[in-house]
Amino acid sequence: MVATGRPPCPRCPVRSLAHARSSALASVRPGGRATLVGMPPTGARLDLDPAEFTNREKVLTGTVYGSGDPARALPSLLTDVAAGRILLTPLVGPSFPLERVEEAIQAALAGEPGRVIVTP
């Protein structure tokens, strides 16, 4: 989640992902924009105060994979991965053999951290 309008706080505690998403809009300056990133679990909901939109003219938007052009973004990303500037291991979630594919699907739908992997 990216919120514009205030400096980042690397030590700010987050009670939960739901809390972080719900509080994103409140931490944006008037007229600012909050962008939700990532794939929430199926059925996830946001608890928002509508006055944050109308009274302070804020914008809340979402993005899928950064909404970028893969042909332009991937070469740069691969260079960063090869140089160790981007670590992929923390993004990998649980791994399931193909015969446990139903369990893998349930893990993904439940919002299991990281990408759920199914192997042949």
PDB file of N, CA and C in Angstrom:
ATOM      1  N   MET A   1       0.843  -1.167   0.000  1.00  0.00           N
ATOM      2  CA  MET A   1       0.000   0.000   0.000  1.00  0.00           C
ATOM      3  C   MET A   1       0.883   1.222   0.000  1.00  0.00           C
ATOM      4  N   VAL A   2       0.540   2.182  -0.809  1.00  0.00           N
ATOM      5  CA  VAL A   2       1.302   3.414  -0.922  1.00  0.00           C
ATOM      6  C   VAL A   2       0.370   4.562  -0.569  1.00  0.00           C
ATOM      7  N   ALA A   3       0.779   5.397   0.344  1.00  0.00           N
ATOM      8  CA  ALA A   3      -0.016   6.570   0.701  1.00  0.00           C
ATOM      9  C   ALA A   3       0.856   7.794   0.498  1.00  0.00           C
ATOM     10  N   THR A   4       0.336   8.776  -0.214  1.00  0.00           N
ATOM     11  CA  THR A   4       1.102   9.995  -0.442  1.00  0.00           C
ATOM     12  C   THR A   4       0.634  11.072   0.518  1.00  0.00           C
ATOM     13  N   GLY A   5       1.512  11.978   0.842  1.00  0.00           N
ATOM     14  CA  GLY A   5       1.124  13.115   1.661  1.00  0.00           C
ATOM     15  C   GLY A   5       1.850  13.188   2.977  1.00  0.00           C
ATOM     16  N   ARG A   6       2.407  12.093   3.457  1.00  0.00           N
ATOM     17  CA  ARG A   6       3.167  12.101   4.700  1.00  0.00           C
ATOM     18  C   ARG A   6       4.452  11.319   4.491  1.00  0.00           C
ATOM     19  N   PRO A   7       5.516  11.668   5.233  1.00  0.00           N
ATOM     20  CA  PRO A   7       6.747  10.910   5.082  1.00  0.00           C
ATOM     21  C   PRO A   7       6.554   9.475   5.551  1.00  0.00           C
ATOM     22  N   PRO A   8       7.283   8.514   4.970  1.00  0.00           N
ATOM     23  CA  PRO A   8       7.142   7.133   5.401  1.00  0.00           C
ATOM     24  C   PRO A   8       7.638   6.942   6.820  1.00  0.00           C
ATOM     25  N   CYS A   9       7.077   5.981   7.498  1.00  0.00           N
ATOM     26  CA  CYS A   9       7.459   5.692   8.872  1.00  0.00           C
ATOM     27  C   CYS A   9       7.854   4.218   8.956  1.00  0.00           C
ATOM     28  N   PRO A  10       9.159   3.900   8.843  1.00  0.00           N
ATOM     29  CA  PRO A  10       9.567   2.501   8.821  1.00  0.00           C
ATOM     30  C   PRO A  10       9.336   1.765  10.137  1.00  0.00           C
ATOM     31  N   ARG A  11       9.105   2.483  11.216  1.00  0.00           N
ATOM     32  CA  ARG A  11       8.912   1.822  12.501  1.00  0.00           C
ATOM     33  C   ARG A  11       7.463   1.870  12.991  1.00  0.00           C
ATOM     34  N   CYS A  12       6.547   2.329  12.143  1.00  0.00           N
ATOM     35  CA  CYS A  12       5.149   2.426  12.557  1.00  0.00           C
ATOM     36  C   CYS A  12       4.537   1.036  12.645  1.00  0.00           C
ATOM     37  N   PRO A  13       3.979   0.687  13.799  1.00  0.00           N
ATOM     38  CA  PRO A  13       3.370  -0.643  13.920  1.00  0.00           C
ATOM     39  C   PRO A  13       2.058  -0.717  13.142  1.00  0.00           C
ATOM     40  N   VAL A  14       1.804  -1.852  12.550  1.00  0.00           N
ATOM     41  CA  VAL A  14       0.548  -2.103  11.849  1.00  0.00           C
ATOM     42  C   VAL A  14      -0.119  -3.277  12.534  1.00  0.00           C
ATOM     43  N   ARG A  15      -1.323  -3.056  13.035  1.00  0.00           N
ATOM     44  CA  ARG A  15      -2.031  -4.118  13.752  1.00  0.00           C
ATOM     45  C   ARG A  15      -2.384  -5.278  12.837  1.00  0.00           C
ATOM     46  N   SER A  16      -2.770  -4.973  11.619  1.00  0.00           N
ATOM     47  CA  SER A  16      -3.135  -6.013  10.660  1.00  0.00           C
ATOM     48  C   SER A  16      -3.167  -5.387   9.276  1.00  0.00           C
ATOM     49  N   LEU A  17      -3.175  -6.247   8.252  1.00  0.00           N
ATOM     50  CA  LEU A  17      -3.270  -5.744   6.887  1.00  0.00           C
ATOM     51  C   LEU A  17      -4.592  -5.012   6.688  1.00  0.00           C
ATOM     52  N   ALA A  18      -5.672  -5.544   7.264  1.00  0.00           N
ATOM     53  CA  ALA A  18      -6.973  -4.876   7.150  1.00  0.00           C
ATOM     54  C   ALA A  18      -6.909  -3.487   7.774  1.00  0.00           C
ATOM     55  N   HIS A  19      -6.250  -3.364   8.920  1.00  0.00           N
ATOM     56  CA  HIS A  19      -6.108  -2.062   9.573  1.00  0.00           C
ATOM     57  C   HIS A  19      -5.284  -1.119   8.702  1.00  0.00           C
ATOM     58  N   ALA A  20      -4.212  -1.638   8.102  1.00  0.00           N
ATOM     59  CA  ALA A  20      -3.361  -0.801   7.246  1.00  0.00           C
ATOM     60  C   ALA A  20      -4.146  -0.279   6.053  1.00  0.00           C
ATOM     61  N   ARG A  21      -4.919  -1.151   5.436  1.00  0.00           N
ATOM     62  CA  ARG A  21      -5.714  -0.717   4.285  1.00  0.00           C
ATOM     63  C   ARG A  21      -6.765   0.296   4.699  1.00  0.00           C
ATOM     64  N   SER A  22      -7.415   0.043   5.818  1.00  0.00           N
ATOM     65  CA  SER A  22      -8.472   0.949   6.272  1.00  0.00           C
ATOM     66  C   SER A  22      -7.928   2.309   6.678  1.00  0.00           C
ATOM     67  N   SER A  23      -6.708   2.336   7.204  1.00  0.00           N
ATOM     68  CA  SER A  23      -6.153   3.611   7.665  1.00  0.00           C
ATOM     69  C   SER A  23      -5.370   4.343   6.582  1.00  0.00           C
ATOM     70  N   ALA A  24      -5.175   3.734   5.423  1.00  0.00           N
ATOM     71  CA  ALA A  24      -4.386   4.377   4.361  1.00  0.00           C
ATOM     72  C   ALA A  24      -4.978   5.720   3.962  1.00  0.00           C
ATOM     73  N   LEU A  25      -6.269   5.738   3.741  1.00  0.00           N
ATOM     74  CA  LEU A  25      -6.898   6.976   3.286  1.00  0.00           C
ATOM     75  C   LEU A  25      -6.799   8.067   4.339  1.00  0.00           C
ATOM     76  N   ALA A  26      -6.908   7.717   5.611  1.00  0.00           N
ATOM     77  CA  ALA A  26      -6.843   8.714   6.680  1.00  0.00           C
ATOM     78  C   ALA A  26      -5.462   9.359   6.778  1.00  0.00           C
ATOM     79  N   SER A  27      -4.416   8.663   6.321  1.00  0.00           N
ATOM     80  CA  SER A  27      -3.064   9.203   6.448  1.00  0.00           C
ATOM     81  C   SER A  27      -2.617  10.015   5.240  1.00  0.00           C
ATOM     82  N   VAL A  28      -3.492  10.219   4.292  1.00  0.00           N
ATOM     83  CA  VAL A  28      -3.168  10.979   3.090  1.00  0.00           C
ATOM     84  C   VAL A  28      -3.587  12.434   3.287  1.00  0.00           C
ATOM     85  N   ARG A  29      -2.779  13.337   2.768  1.00  0.00           N
ATOM     86  CA  ARG A  29      -3.095  14.761   2.903  1.00  0.00           C
ATOM     87  C   ARG A  29      -4.374  15.088   2.126  1.00  0.00           C
ATOM     88  N   PRO A  30      -5.054  16.182   2.454  1.00  0.00           N
ATOM     89  CA  PRO A  30      -6.217  16.591   1.670  1.00  0.00           C
ATOM     90  C   PRO A  30      -5.839  16.742   0.194  1.00  0.00           C
ATOM     91  N   GLY A  31      -6.668  16.190  -0.676  1.00  0.00           N
ATOM     92  CA  GLY A  31      -6.401  16.213  -2.103  1.00  0.00           C
ATOM     93  C   GLY A  31      -5.432  15.141  -2.567  1.00  0.00           C
ATOM     94  N   GLY A  32      -4.929  14.315  -1.632  1.00  0.00           N
ATOM     95  CA  GLY A  32      -3.940  13.291  -1.966  1.00  0.00           C
ATOM     96  C   GLY A  32      -4.579  11.988  -2.429  1.00  0.00           C
ATOM     97  N   ARG A  33      -3.726  11.022  -2.715  1.00  0.00           N
ATOM     98  CA  ARG A  33      -4.161   9.736  -3.253  1.00  0.00           C
ATOM     99  C   ARG A  33      -3.533   8.600  -2.455  1.00  0.00           C
ATOM    100  N   ALA A  34      -4.328   7.574  -2.156  1.00  0.00           N
ATOM    101  CA  ALA A  34      -3.836   6.327  -1.567  1.00  0.00           C
ATOM    102  C   ALA A  34      -4.055   5.229  -2.605  1.00  0.00           C
ATOM    103  N   THR A  35      -3.037   4.399  -2.795  1.00  0.00           N
ATOM    104  CA  THR A  35      -3.139   3.302  -3.754  1.00  0.00           C
ATOM    105  C   THR A  35      -2.986   1.986  -3.022  1.00  0.00           C
ATOM    106  N   LEU A  36      -3.990   1.127  -3.148  1.00  0.00           N
ATOM    107  CA  LEU A  36      -3.925  -0.199  -2.552  1.00  0.00           C
ATOM    108  C   LEU A  36      -3.241  -1.137  -3.525  1.00  0.00           C
ATOM    109  N   VAL A  37      -2.250  -1.871  -3.036  1.00  0.00           N
ATOM    110  CA  VAL A  37      -1.526  -2.820  -3.863  1.00  0.00           C
ATOM    111  C   VAL A  37      -1.622  -4.202  -3.224  1.00  0.00           C
ATOM    112  N   GLY A  38      -1.368  -5.222  -4.014  1.00  0.00           N
ATOM    113  CA  GLY A  38      -1.426  -6.584  -3.500  1.00  0.00           C
ATOM    114  C   GLY A  38      -2.773  -7.210  -3.783  1.00  0.00           C
ATOM    115  N   MET A  39      -2.853  -8.477  -3.528  1.00  0.00           N
ATOM    116  CA  MET A  39      -4.070  -9.234  -3.798  1.00  0.00           C
ATOM    117  C   MET A  39      -4.715  -9.623  -2.469  1.00  0.00           C
ATOM    118  N   PRO A  40      -5.795  -8.966  -2.083  1.00  0.00           N
ATOM    119  CA  PRO A  40      -6.455  -9.307  -0.823  1.00  0.00           C
ATOM    120  C   PRO A  40      -7.165 -10.649  -0.949  1.00  0.00           C
ATOM    121  N   PRO A  41      -7.419 -11.301   0.183  1.00  0.00           N
ATOM    122  CA  PRO A  41      -8.164 -12.552   0.136  1.00  0.00           C
ATOM    123  C   PRO A  41      -9.574 -12.324  -0.405  1.00  0.00           C
ATOM    124  N   THR A  42     -10.152 -13.344  -1.000  1.00  0.00           N
ATOM    125  CA  THR A  42     -11.517 -13.260  -1.512  1.00  0.00           C
ATOM    126  C   THR A  42     -12.451 -12.851  -0.387  1.00  0.00           C
ATOM    127  N   GLY A  43     -13.310 -11.880  -0.667  1.00  0.00           N
ATOM    128  CA  GLY A  43     -14.289 -11.431   0.321  1.00  0.00           C
ATOM    129  C   GLY A  43     -13.779 -10.381   1.284  1.00  0.00           C
ATOM    130  N   ALA A  44     -12.527  -9.960   1.162  1.00  0.00           N
ATOM    131  CA  ALA A  44     -11.987  -8.937   2.061  1.00  0.00           C
ATOM    132  C   ALA A  44     -12.766  -7.638   1.883  1.00  0.00           C
ATOM    133  N   ARG A  45     -12.932  -6.893   2.950  1.00  0.00           N
ATOM    134  CA  ARG A  45     -13.693  -5.641   2.934  1.00  0.00           C
ATOM    135  C   ARG A  45     -12.866  -4.515   3.532  1.00  0.00           C
ATOM    136  N   LEU A  46     -13.183  -3.295   3.144  1.00  0.00           N
ATOM    137  CA  LEU A  46     -12.557  -2.103   3.704  1.00  0.00           C
ATOM    138  C   LEU A  46     -13.566  -1.378   4.577  1.00  0.00           C
ATOM    139  N   ASP A  47     -13.107  -0.881   5.709  1.00  0.00           N
ATOM    140  CA  ASP A  47     -13.943  -0.071   6.591  1.00  0.00           C
ATOM    141  C   ASP A  47     -13.447   1.369   6.446  1.00  0.00           C
ATOM    142  N   LEU A  48     -14.194   2.164   5.675  1.00  0.00           N
ATOM    143  CA  LEU A  48     -13.766   3.526   5.371  1.00  0.00           C
ATOM    144  C   LEU A  48     -14.816   4.547   5.774  1.00  0.00           C
ATOM    145  N   ASP A  49     -14.345   5.744   6.109  1.00  0.00           N
ATOM    146  CA  ASP A  49     -15.217   6.863   6.415  1.00  0.00           C
ATOM    147  C   ASP A  49     -15.445   7.647   5.120  1.00  0.00           C
ATOM    148  N   PRO A  50     -16.674   7.677   4.581  1.00  0.00           N
ATOM    149  CA  PRO A  50     -16.926   8.380   3.321  1.00  0.00           C
ATOM    150  C   PRO A  50     -16.557   9.863   3.370  1.00  0.00           C
ATOM    151  N   ALA A  51     -16.563  10.465   4.546  1.00  0.00           N
ATOM    152  CA  ALA A  51     -16.206  11.884   4.658  1.00  0.00           C
ATOM    153  C   ALA A  51     -14.754  12.122   4.239  1.00  0.00           C
ATOM    154  N   GLU A  52     -13.897  11.112   4.356  1.00  0.00           N
ATOM    155  CA  GLU A  52     -12.502  11.265   3.918  1.00  0.00           C
ATOM    156  C   GLU A  52     -12.438  11.567   2.418  1.00  0.00           C
ATOM    157  N   PHE A  53     -13.391  11.033   1.647  1.00  0.00           N
ATOM    158  CA  PHE A  53     -13.410  11.286   0.206  1.00  0.00           C
ATOM    159  C   PHE A  53     -13.986  12.662  -0.092  1.00  0.00           C
ATOM    160  N   THR A  54     -15.142  12.937   0.475  1.00  0.00           N
ATOM    161  CA  THR A  54     -15.877  14.143   0.097  1.00  0.00           C
ATOM    162  C   THR A  54     -15.346  15.410   0.763  1.00  0.00           C
ATOM    163  N   ASN A  55     -15.116  15.369   2.058  1.00  0.00           N
ATOM    164  CA  ASN A  55     -14.714  16.580   2.776  1.00  0.00           C
ATOM    165  C   ASN A  55     -13.272  16.992   2.499  1.00  0.00           C
ATOM    166  N   ARG A  56     -12.435  16.027   2.190  1.00  0.00           N
ATOM    167  CA  ARG A  56     -11.018  16.335   1.998  1.00  0.00           C
ATOM    168  C   ARG A  56     -10.537  16.053   0.579  1.00  0.00           C
ATOM    169  N   GLU A  57     -11.473  15.706  -0.305  1.00  0.00           N
ATOM    170  CA  GLU A  57     -11.179  15.499  -1.726  1.00  0.00           C
ATOM    171  C   GLU A  57     -10.023  14.526  -1.943  1.00  0.00           C
ATOM    172  N   LYS A  58     -10.038  13.413  -1.204  1.00  0.00           N
ATOM    173  CA  LYS A  58      -9.011  12.388  -1.339  1.00  0.00           C
ATOM    174  C   LYS A  58      -9.433  11.359  -2.390  1.00  0.00           C
ATOM    175  N   VAL A  59      -8.448  10.619  -2.885  1.00  0.00           N
ATOM    176  CA  VAL A  59      -8.686   9.601  -3.900  1.00  0.00           C
ATOM    177  C   VAL A  59      -8.133   8.270  -3.394  1.00  0.00           C
ATOM    178  N   LEU A  60      -8.913   7.201  -3.552  1.00  0.00           N
ATOM    179  CA  LEU A  60      -8.472   5.849  -3.233  1.00  0.00           C
ATOM    180  C   LEU A  60      -8.542   5.039  -4.518  1.00  0.00           C
ATOM    181  N   THR A  61      -7.430   4.412  -4.872  1.00  0.00           N
ATOM    182  CA  THR A  61      -7.383   3.630  -6.101  1.00  0.00           C
ATOM    183  C   THR A  61      -6.657   2.321  -5.829  1.00  0.00           C
ATOM    184  N   GLY A  62      -6.761   1.407  -6.757  1.00  0.00           N
ATOM    185  CA  GLY A  62      -6.059   0.135  -6.655  1.00  0.00           C
ATOM    186  C   GLY A  62      -5.219  -0.095  -7.892  1.00  0.00           C
ATOM    187  N   THR A  63      -4.335  -1.067  -7.806  1.00  0.00           N
ATOM    188  CA  THR A  63      -3.487  -1.388  -8.942  1.00  0.00           C
ATOM    189  C   THR A  63      -3.246  -2.890  -8.982  1.00  0.00           C
ATOM    190  N   VAL A  64      -3.122  -3.420 -10.172  1.00  0.00           N
ATOM    191  CA  VAL A  64      -2.794  -4.826 -10.360  1.00  0.00           C
ATOM    192  C   VAL A  64      -1.398  -4.893 -10.953  1.00  0.00           C
ATOM    193  N   TYR A  65      -0.461  -5.492 -10.241  1.00  0.00           N
ATOM    194  CA  TYR A  65       0.916  -5.636 -10.699  1.00  0.00           C
ATOM    195  C   TYR A  65       1.530  -4.301 -11.112  1.00  0.00           C
ATOM    196  N   GLY A  66       1.160  -3.233 -10.441  1.00  0.00           N
ATOM    197  CA  GLY A  66       1.751  -1.932 -10.712  1.00  0.00           C
ATOM    198  C   GLY A  66       1.214  -1.217 -11.932  1.00  0.00           C
ATOM    199  N   SER A  67       0.298  -1.843 -12.653  1.00  0.00           N
ATOM    200  CA  SER A  67      -0.310  -1.254 -13.847  1.00  0.00           C
ATOM    201  C   SER A  67       0.735  -0.757 -14.839  1.00  0.00           C
ATOM    202  N   GLY A  68       1.894  -1.387 -14.854  1.00  0.00           N
ATOM    203  CA  GLY A  68       2.958  -0.961 -15.753  1.00  0.00           C
ATOM    204  C   GLY A  68       2.986  -1.779 -17.031  1.00  0.00           C
ATOM    205  N   ASP A  69       3.876  -1.401 -17.921  1.00  0.00           N
ATOM    206  CA  ASP A  69       4.089  -2.100 -19.170  1.00  0.00           C
ATOM    207  C   ASP A  69       5.177  -3.148 -18.941  1.00  0.00           C
ATOM    208  N   PRO A  70       4.824  -4.450 -18.936  1.00  0.00           N
ATOM    209  CA  PRO A  70       5.817  -5.491 -18.654  1.00  0.00           C
ATOM    210  C   PRO A  70       7.023  -5.454 -19.589  1.00  0.00           C
ATOM    211  N   ALA A  71       6.825  -5.101 -20.843  1.00  0.00           N
ATOM    212  CA  ALA A  71       7.943  -5.057 -21.795  1.00  0.00           C
ATOM    213  C   ALA A  71       8.996  -4.033 -21.377  1.00  0.00           C
ATOM    214  N   ARG A  72       8.575  -2.977 -20.702  1.00  0.00           N
ATOM    215  CA  ARG A  72       9.516  -1.956 -20.236  1.00  0.00           C
ATOM    216  C   ARG A  72       9.995  -2.229 -18.822  1.00  0.00           C
ATOM    217  N   ALA A  73       9.109  -2.738 -17.973  1.00  0.00           N
ATOM    218  CA  ALA A  73       9.440  -2.894 -16.554  1.00  0.00           C
ATOM    219  C   ALA A  73      10.277  -4.141 -16.261  1.00  0.00           C
ATOM    220  N   LEU A  74       9.998  -5.256 -16.937  1.00  0.00           N
ATOM    221  CA  LEU A  74      10.657  -6.514 -16.594  1.00  0.00           C
ATOM    222  C   LEU A  74      12.177  -6.497 -16.762  1.00  0.00           C
ATOM    223  N   PRO A  75      12.735  -5.951 -17.838  1.00  0.00           N
ATOM    224  CA  PRO A  75      14.203  -5.939 -17.921  1.00  0.00           C
ATOM    225  C   PRO A  75      14.867  -5.239 -16.725  1.00  0.00           C
ATOM    226  N   SER A  76      14.308  -4.126 -16.307  1.00  0.00           N
ATOM    227  CA  SER A  76      14.853  -3.402 -15.162  1.00  0.00           C
ATOM    228  C   SER A  76      14.689  -4.212 -13.875  1.00  0.00           C
ATOM    229  N   LEU A  77      13.523  -4.825 -13.702  1.00  0.00           N
ATOM    230  CA  LEU A  77      13.289  -5.641 -12.509  1.00  0.00           C
ATOM    231  C   LEU A  77      14.238  -6.834 -12.458  1.00  0.00           C
ATOM    232  N   LEU A  78      14.444  -7.499 -13.599  1.00  0.00           N
ATOM    233  CA  LEU A  78      15.343  -8.648 -13.639  1.00  0.00           C
ATOM    234  C   LEU A  78      16.778  -8.241 -13.324  1.00  0.00           C
ATOM    235  N   THR A  79      17.188  -7.064 -13.778  1.00  0.00           N
ATOM    236  CA  THR A  79      18.513  -6.547 -13.446  1.00  0.00           C
ATOM    237  C   THR A  79      18.639  -6.346 -11.939  1.00  0.00           C
ATOM    238  N   ASP A  80      17.593  -5.785 -11.317  1.00  0.00           N
ATOM    239  CA  ASP A  80      17.604  -5.563  -9.868  1.00  0.00           C
ATOM    240  C   ASP A  80      17.619  -6.879  -9.099  1.00  0.00           C
ATOM    241  N   VAL A  81      16.897  -7.891  -9.580  1.00  0.00           N
ATOM    242  CA  VAL A  81      16.905  -9.200  -8.928  1.00  0.00           C
ATOM    243  C   VAL A  81      18.295  -9.814  -9.023  1.00  0.00           C
ATOM    244  N   ALA A  82      18.895  -9.786 -10.211  1.00  0.00           N
ATOM    245  CA  ALA A  82      20.225 -10.368 -10.408  1.00  0.00           C
ATOM    246  C   ALA A  82      21.274  -9.674  -9.542  1.00  0.00           C
ATOM    247  N   ALA A  83      21.105  -8.373  -9.304  1.00  0.00           N
ATOM    248  CA  ALA A  83      22.057  -7.612  -8.493  1.00  0.00           C
ATOM    249  C   ALA A  83      21.779  -7.733  -7.001  1.00  0.00           C
ATOM    250  N   GLY A  84      20.698  -8.408  -6.635  1.00  0.00           N
ATOM    251  CA  GLY A  84      20.376  -8.578  -5.220  1.00  0.00           C
ATOM    252  C   GLY A  84      19.656  -7.402  -4.600  1.00  0.00           C
ATOM    253  N   ARG A  85      19.206  -6.448  -5.420  1.00  0.00           N
ATOM    254  CA  ARG A  85      18.485  -5.285  -4.884  1.00  0.00           C
ATOM    255  C   ARG A  85      17.027  -5.601  -4.598  1.00  0.00           C
ATOM    256  N   ILE A  86      16.499  -6.640  -5.250  1.00  0.00           N
ATOM    257  CA  ILE A  86      15.135  -7.108  -4.988  1.00  0.00           C
ATOM    258  C   ILE A  86      15.229  -8.572  -4.592  1.00  0.00           C
ATOM    259  N   LEU A  87      14.696  -8.911  -3.435  1.00  0.00           N
ATOM    260  CA  LEU A  87      14.720 -10.286  -2.941  1.00  0.00           C
ATOM    261  C   LEU A  87      13.367 -10.939  -3.212  1.00  0.00           C
ATOM    262  N   LEU A  88      13.389 -12.036  -3.933  1.00  0.00           N
ATOM    263  CA  LEU A  88      12.142 -12.723  -4.280  1.00  0.00           C
ATOM    264  C   LEU A  88      11.737 -13.773  -3.253  1.00  0.00           C
ATOM    265  N   THR A  89      12.690 -14.325  -2.510  1.00  0.00           N
ATOM    266  CA  THR A  89      12.381 -15.396  -1.562  1.00  0.00           C
ATOM    267  C   THR A  89      11.271 -15.019  -0.579  1.00  0.00           C
ATOM    268  N   PRO A  90      11.262 -13.808  -0.019  1.00  0.00           N
ATOM    269  CA  PRO A  90      10.182 -13.474   0.919  1.00  0.00           C
ATOM    270  C   PRO A  90       8.794 -13.410   0.262  1.00  0.00           C
ATOM    271  N   LEU A  91       8.749 -13.370  -1.068  1.00  0.00           N
ATOM    272  CA  LEU A  91       7.469 -13.283  -1.768  1.00  0.00           C
ATOM    273  C   LEU A  91       6.866 -14.646  -2.066  1.00  0.00           C
ATOM    274  N   VAL A  92       7.645 -15.705  -1.834  1.00  0.00           N
ATOM    275  CA  VAL A  92       7.182 -17.060  -2.133  1.00  0.00           C
ATOM    276  C   VAL A  92       6.463 -17.620  -0.912  1.00  0.00           C
ATOM    277  N   GLY A  93       5.273 -18.104  -1.147  1.00  0.00           N
ATOM    278  CA  GLY A  93       4.486 -18.699  -0.075  1.00  0.00           C
ATOM    279  C   GLY A  93       4.636 -20.207  -0.043  1.00  0.00           C
ATOM    280  N   PRO A  94       3.610 -20.880   0.469  1.00  0.00           N
ATOM    281  CA  PRO A  94       3.683 -22.336   0.586  1.00  0.00           C
ATOM    282  C   PRO A  94       3.666 -23.022  -0.772  1.00  0.00           C
ATOM    283  N   SER A  95       4.263 -24.204  -0.815  1.00  0.00           N
ATOM    284  CA  SER A  95       4.336 -24.994  -2.042  1.00  0.00           C
ATOM    285  C   SER A  95       3.544 -26.286  -1.856  1.00  0.00           C
ATOM    286  N   PHE A  96       2.774 -26.661  -2.866  1.00  0.00           N
ATOM    287  CA  PHE A  96       1.949 -27.858  -2.824  1.00  0.00           C
ATOM    288  C   PHE A  96       2.216 -28.719  -4.053  1.00  0.00           C
ATOM    289  N   PRO A  97       2.262 -30.045  -3.886  1.00  0.00           N
ATOM    290  CA  PRO A  97       2.326 -30.908  -5.071  1.00  0.00           C
ATOM    291  C   PRO A  97       0.983 -30.877  -5.793  1.00  0.00           C
ATOM    292  N   LEU A  98       1.009 -31.214  -7.078  1.00  0.00           N
ATOM    293  CA  LEU A  98      -0.190 -31.151  -7.905  1.00  0.00           C
ATOM    294  C   LEU A  98      -1.364 -31.927  -7.303  1.00  0.00           C
ATOM    295  N   GLU A  99      -1.086 -33.046  -6.674  1.00  0.00           N
ATOM    296  CA  GLU A  99      -2.194 -33.832  -6.102  1.00  0.00           C
ATOM    297  C   GLU A  99      -2.872 -33.124  -4.930  1.00  0.00           C
ATOM    298  N   ARG A 100      -2.285 -32.037  -4.425  1.00  0.00           N
ATOM    299  CA  ARG A 100      -2.907 -31.254  -3.344  1.00  0.00           C
ATOM    300  C   ARG A 100      -3.355 -29.886  -3.857  1.00  0.00           C
ATOM    301  N   VAL A 101      -3.685 -29.811  -5.159  1.00  0.00           N
ATOM    302  CA  VAL A 101      -4.037 -28.540  -5.779  1.00  0.00           C
ATOM    303  C   VAL A 101      -5.241 -27.881  -5.105  1.00  0.00           C
ATOM    304  N   GLU A 102      -6.217 -28.657  -4.656  1.00  0.00           N
ATOM    305  CA  GLU A 102      -7.378 -28.068  -3.969  1.00  0.00           C
ATOM    306  C   GLU A 102      -6.951 -27.344  -2.699  1.00  0.00           C
ATOM    307  N   GLU A 103      -6.032 -27.938  -1.978  1.00  0.00           N
ATOM    308  CA  GLU A 103      -5.508 -27.311  -0.757  1.00  0.00           C
ATOM    309  C   GLU A 103      -4.751 -26.015  -1.103  1.00  0.00           C
ATOM    310  N   ALA A 104      -4.024 -26.041  -2.212  1.00  0.00           N
ATOM    311  CA  ALA A 104      -3.299 -24.846  -2.659  1.00  0.00           C
ATOM    312  C   ALA A 104      -4.270 -23.724  -3.021  1.00  0.00           C
ATOM    313  N   ILE A 105      -5.344 -24.073  -3.699  1.00  0.00           N
ATOM    314  CA  ILE A 105      -6.350 -23.072  -4.068  1.00  0.00           C
ATOM    315  C   ILE A 105      -6.970 -22.466  -2.822  1.00  0.00           C
ATOM    316  N   GLN A 106      -7.295 -23.301  -1.846  1.00  0.00           N
ATOM    317  CA  GLN A 106      -7.873 -22.787  -0.603  1.00  0.00           C
ATOM    318  C   GLN A 106      -6.893 -21.866   0.125  1.00  0.00           C
ATOM    319  N   ALA A 107      -5.605 -22.221   0.114  1.00  0.00           N
ATOM    320  CA  ALA A 107      -4.590 -21.369   0.755  1.00  0.00           C
ATOM    321  C   ALA A 107      -4.519 -20.018   0.065  1.00  0.00           C
ATOM    322  N   ALA A 108      -4.565 -20.029  -1.273  1.00  0.00           N
ATOM    323  CA  ALA A 108      -4.507 -18.770  -2.019  1.00  0.00           C
ATOM    324  C   ALA A 108      -5.743 -17.918  -1.750  1.00  0.00           C
ATOM    325  N   LEU A 109      -6.912 -18.533  -1.750  1.00  0.00           N
ATOM    326  CA  LEU A 109      -8.151 -17.788  -1.506  1.00  0.00           C
ATOM    327  C   LEU A 109      -8.226 -17.253  -0.083  1.00  0.00           C
ATOM    328  N   ALA A 110      -7.579 -17.938   0.845  1.00  0.00           N
ATOM    329  CA  ALA A 110      -7.576 -17.502   2.243  1.00  0.00           C
ATOM    330  C   ALA A 110      -6.594 -16.361   2.493  1.00  0.00           C
ATOM    331  N   GLY A 111      -5.819 -16.015   1.468  1.00  0.00           N
ATOM    332  CA  GLY A 111      -4.873 -14.909   1.625  1.00  0.00           C
ATOM    333  C   GLY A 111      -3.561 -15.324   2.246  1.00  0.00           C
ATOM    334  N   GLU A 112      -3.178 -16.581   2.051  1.00  0.00           N
ATOM    335  CA  GLU A 112      -1.887 -17.072   2.549  1.00  0.00           C
ATOM    336  C   GLU A 112      -0.774 -16.123   2.103  1.00  0.00           C
ATOM    337  N   PRO A 113       0.125 -15.721   3.007  1.00  0.00           N
ATOM    338  CA  PRO A 113       1.202 -14.795   2.619  1.00  0.00           C
ATOM    339  C   PRO A 113       2.085 -15.382   1.523  1.00  0.00           C
ATOM    340  N   GLY A 114       2.478 -14.555   0.571  1.00  0.00           N
ATOM    341  CA  GLY A 114       3.332 -14.984  -0.523  1.00  0.00           C
ATOM    342  C   GLY A 114       2.536 -15.675  -1.620  1.00  0.00           C
ATOM    343  N   ARG A 115       3.199 -15.931  -2.725  1.00  0.00           N
ATOM    344  CA  ARG A 115       2.576 -16.635  -3.845  1.00  0.00           C
ATOM    345  C   ARG A 115       2.503 -18.115  -3.525  1.00  0.00           C
ATOM    346  N   VAL A 116       1.334 -18.685  -3.680  1.00  0.00           N
ATOM    347  CA  VAL A 116       1.154 -20.123  -3.481  1.00  0.00           C
ATOM    348  C   VAL A 116       1.671 -20.820  -4.726  1.00  0.00           C
ATOM    349  N   ILE A 117       2.517 -21.821  -4.530  1.00  0.00           N
ATOM    350  CA  ILE A 117       3.151 -22.536  -5.630  1.00  0.00           C
ATOM    351  C   ILE A 117       2.580 -23.947  -5.736  1.00  0.00           C
ATOM    352  N   VAL A 118       2.245 -24.384  -6.953  1.00  0.00           N
ATOM    353  CA  VAL A 118       1.832 -25.764  -7.215  1.00  0.00           C
ATOM    354  C   VAL A 118       2.878 -26.376  -8.130  1.00  0.00           C
ATOM    355  N   THR A 119       3.457 -27.509  -7.695  1.00  0.00           N
ATOM    356  CA  THR A 119       4.512 -28.168  -8.466  1.00  0.00           C
ATOM    357  C   THR A 119       3.987 -29.469  -9.065  1.00  0.00           C
ATOM    358  N   PRO A 120       4.526 -29.857 -10.235  1.00  0.00           N
ATOM    359  CA  PRO A 120       4.071 -31.114 -10.870  1.00  0.00           C
ATOM    360  C   PRO A 120       4.485 -32.340 -10.081  1.00  0.00           C
TER     361      PRO A 120
END
